[in-house]
């Protein structure tokens, strides 16, 4: 199946037509969507992350700040190893171990990052790059440590970063 999301919810394409897999009562826009281990994660603006079990075709608990999510606005999600990374424009980078089902510590300006504003993330080989405010952080996933941090001004750029181009 193919899935799509908008302010009305999640729709499913079965090859013949679209059906509403999940309808919403609010009308916030979809910010990002990713599938991990037969679970569809869909972030909606200021509504957290809706989770949809693709095997059973049913909703799982929605993640919000009321139940462990670091922010109700998740603008980007990606998988790095066994971690689902959830970026926020104001609350750092949450990490969820999808294979074991538990939350890891959130990276923010109180521990590893220079800013709580996550403007983008990309993985290349074993290196995870996080654009946090005006600083590019490099995390070596093979050893589990941050290996460098460079302000984007060192690349001749000014202001805060906006996004990555791979």
Protein backbone atom coordinates (compact mmCIF):
# COMPACT_ATOMS: atom_id res chain seq x y z
CA UNK A 1 0.00 0.00 0.00
CA UNK A 2 0.94 3.63 -0.43
CA UNK A 3 0.16 6.08 2.37
CA UNK A 4 -0.30 9.83 2.30
CA UNK A 5 -1.20 12.36 4.98
CA UNK A 6 -2.67 15.84 5.11
CA UNK A 7 -4.58 17.96 7.62
CA UNK A 8 -7.51 15.51 7.47
CA UNK A 9 -5.56 12.39 8.45
CA UNK A 10 -3.92 9.40 6.77
CA UNK A 11 -5.06 7.92 3.46
CA UNK A 12 -4.21 4.58 1.89
CA UNK A 13 -3.88 3.72 -1.82
CA UNK A 14 -4.59 0.06 -2.62
CA UNK A 15 -3.83 0.26 -6.33
CA UNK A 16 -7.44 1.08 -7.25
CA UNK A 17 -8.35 4.03 -5.09
CA UNK A 18 -7.78 6.03 -1.93
CA UNK A 19 -9.47 5.23 1.38
CA UNK A 20 -9.28 7.06 4.67
CA UNK A 21 -7.14 4.91 6.97
CA UNK A 22 -7.39 7.41 9.83
CA UNK A 23 -9.41 10.60 10.09
CA UNK A 24 -8.55 13.51 12.37
CA UNK A 25 -10.84 15.90 14.17
CA UNK A 26 -8.26 18.72 14.06
CA UNK A 27 -6.82 20.35 10.95
CA UNK A 28 -3.09 20.76 11.50
CA UNK A 29 -0.81 20.06 8.53
CA UNK A 30 1.37 16.99 8.15
CA UNK A 31 5.06 17.81 8.68
CA UNK A 32 6.78 14.48 8.02
CA UNK A 33 6.15 10.76 7.63
CA UNK A 34 8.34 7.66 7.91
CA UNK A 35 7.82 3.88 8.09
CA UNK A 36 9.92 1.85 10.52
CA UNK A 37 9.44 -1.86 11.17
CA UNK A 38 5.82 -1.89 9.92
CA UNK A 39 4.83 1.18 11.93
CA UNK A 40 3.96 4.40 10.10
CA UNK A 41 4.95 7.54 12.04
CA UNK A 42 3.23 10.75 10.95
CA UNK A 43 3.97 14.10 12.57
CA UNK A 44 1.30 16.79 12.54
CA UNK A 45 2.00 20.43 13.40
CA UNK A 46 1.54 20.94 17.15
CA UNK A 47 -0.17 17.54 17.51
CA UNK A 48 2.79 15.22 18.06
CA UNK A 49 3.36 11.97 16.19
CA UNK A 50 0.54 9.65 15.16
CA UNK A 51 1.55 6.00 14.93
CA UNK A 52 -0.21 3.54 12.63
CA UNK A 53 0.34 -0.23 12.75
CA UNK A 54 0.64 -1.33 9.11
CA UNK A 55 0.18 -5.03 9.97
CA UNK A 56 -3.16 -4.64 11.72
CA UNK A 57 -4.29 -1.42 10.02
CA UNK A 58 -4.98 0.23 13.35
CA UNK A 59 -3.87 3.24 15.33
CA UNK A 60 -1.31 2.99 18.10
CA UNK A 61 -0.89 5.52 20.90
CA UNK A 62 -0.16 9.02 19.61
CA UNK A 63 3.06 10.49 20.99
CA UNK A 64 2.76 13.99 22.46
CA UNK A 65 4.44 15.99 25.19
CA UNK A 66 1.85 14.48 27.54
CA UNK A 67 3.47 11.04 27.16
CA UNK A 68 7.27 11.34 26.64
CA UNK A 69 7.61 13.18 23.30
CA UNK A 70 9.96 16.16 23.63
CA UNK A 71 7.86 18.45 21.39
CA UNK A 72 4.44 18.42 19.75
CA UNK A 73 6.09 19.89 16.64
CA UNK A 74 8.34 17.30 14.97
CA UNK A 75 9.52 18.65 11.63
CA UNK A 76 11.79 15.81 10.51
CA UNK A 77 12.20 12.11 11.29
CA UNK A 78 14.87 9.66 10.19
CA UNK A 79 16.30 6.29 11.15
CA UNK A 80 19.91 5.90 12.25
CA UNK A 81 20.66 2.29 13.17
CA UNK A 82 18.05 1.19 15.69
CA UNK A 83 17.10 4.76 16.57
CA UNK A 84 14.23 6.83 15.26
CA UNK A 85 15.38 10.46 15.40
CA UNK A 86 12.74 13.17 15.82
CA UNK A 87 13.82 16.77 15.17
CA UNK A 88 12.11 19.80 16.64
CA UNK A 89 12.52 23.47 15.70
CA UNK A 90 12.67 24.42 19.39
CA UNK A 91 13.22 21.37 21.66
CA UNK A 92 16.22 19.50 20.29
CA UNK A 93 16.45 15.97 18.91
CA UNK A 94 14.52 13.11 20.53
CA UNK A 95 15.77 9.53 20.09
CA UNK A 96 13.59 6.43 20.27
CA UNK A 97 15.05 2.90 20.15
CA UNK A 98 12.41 1.32 17.91
CA UNK A 99 13.87 -2.20 18.18
CA UNK A 100 13.66 -2.24 22.00
CA UNK A 101 10.74 0.17 22.44
CA UNK A 102 12.27 2.76 24.78
CA UNK A 103 13.24 6.43 24.75
CA UNK A 104 16.87 7.53 24.89
CA UNK A 105 17.97 10.92 26.19
CA UNK A 106 17.05 13.90 24.04
CA UNK A 107 19.98 15.82 22.58
CA UNK A 108 19.60 19.55 23.18
CA UNK A 109 21.54 22.65 24.25
CA UNK A 110 21.83 21.18 27.75
CA UNK A 111 24.01 18.25 26.70
CA UNK A 112 25.47 17.82 23.18
CA UNK A 113 24.04 20.44 20.85
CA UNK A 114 24.64 24.19 20.64
CA UNK A 115 20.97 24.96 19.97
CA UNK A 116 17.54 23.40 20.49
CA UNK A 117 16.70 24.38 16.90
CA UNK A 118 17.25 21.38 14.64
CA UNK A 119 17.33 22.54 11.03
CA UNK A 120 18.25 19.25 9.43
CA UNK A 121 19.91 15.86 9.76
CA UNK A 122 21.57 13.51 7.33
CA UNK A 123 23.51 10.29 7.61
CA UNK A 124 26.46 9.35 5.40
CA UNK A 125 28.06 6.00 6.17
CA UNK A 126 28.61 5.87 9.91
CA UNK A 127 28.48 9.66 10.30
CA UNK A 128 25.33 11.43 11.41
CA UNK A 129 25.31 15.18 10.73
CA UNK A 130 22.98 17.41 12.74
CA UNK A 131 22.43 21.05 11.82
CA UNK A 132 21.66 22.68 15.15
CA UNK A 133 21.13 26.44 14.90
CA UNK A 134 24.28 27.78 13.26
CA UNK A 135 26.44 24.73 14.05
CA UNK A 136 27.05 21.49 12.19
CA UNK A 137 27.55 18.58 14.63
CA UNK A 138 29.07 15.30 13.49
CA UNK A 139 28.20 12.14 15.43
CA UNK A 140 30.15 8.94 14.75
CA UNK A 141 27.55 6.17 15.04
CA UNK A 142 30.19 3.41 14.91
CA UNK A 143 31.64 4.46 18.29
CA UNK A 144 28.71 6.50 19.67
CA UNK A 145 30.42 9.87 20.17
CA UNK A 146 30.22 13.38 18.80
CA UNK A 147 33.42 13.79 16.82
CA UNK A 148 33.25 17.46 15.79
CA UNK A 149 31.20 20.65 15.84
CA UNK A 150 31.74 23.48 13.41
CA UNK A 151 29.91 26.79 13.10
CA UNK A 152 28.60 27.21 9.58
CA UNK A 153 30.55 30.49 9.44
CA UNK A 154 33.66 28.30 9.01
CA UNK A 155 32.16 27.36 5.60
CA UNK A 156 31.67 31.03 4.67
CA UNK A 157 27.96 31.00 5.58
CA UNK A 158 26.13 33.45 7.84
CA UNK A 159 23.06 33.21 10.05
CA UNK A 160 21.40 29.97 11.09
CA UNK A 161 21.32 26.95 8.85
CA UNK A 162 18.08 26.15 7.05
CA UNK A 163 18.43 22.58 5.77
CA UNK A 164 20.76 20.00 4.25
CA UNK A 165 21.25 19.05 0.64
CA UNK A 166 22.65 15.56 0.23
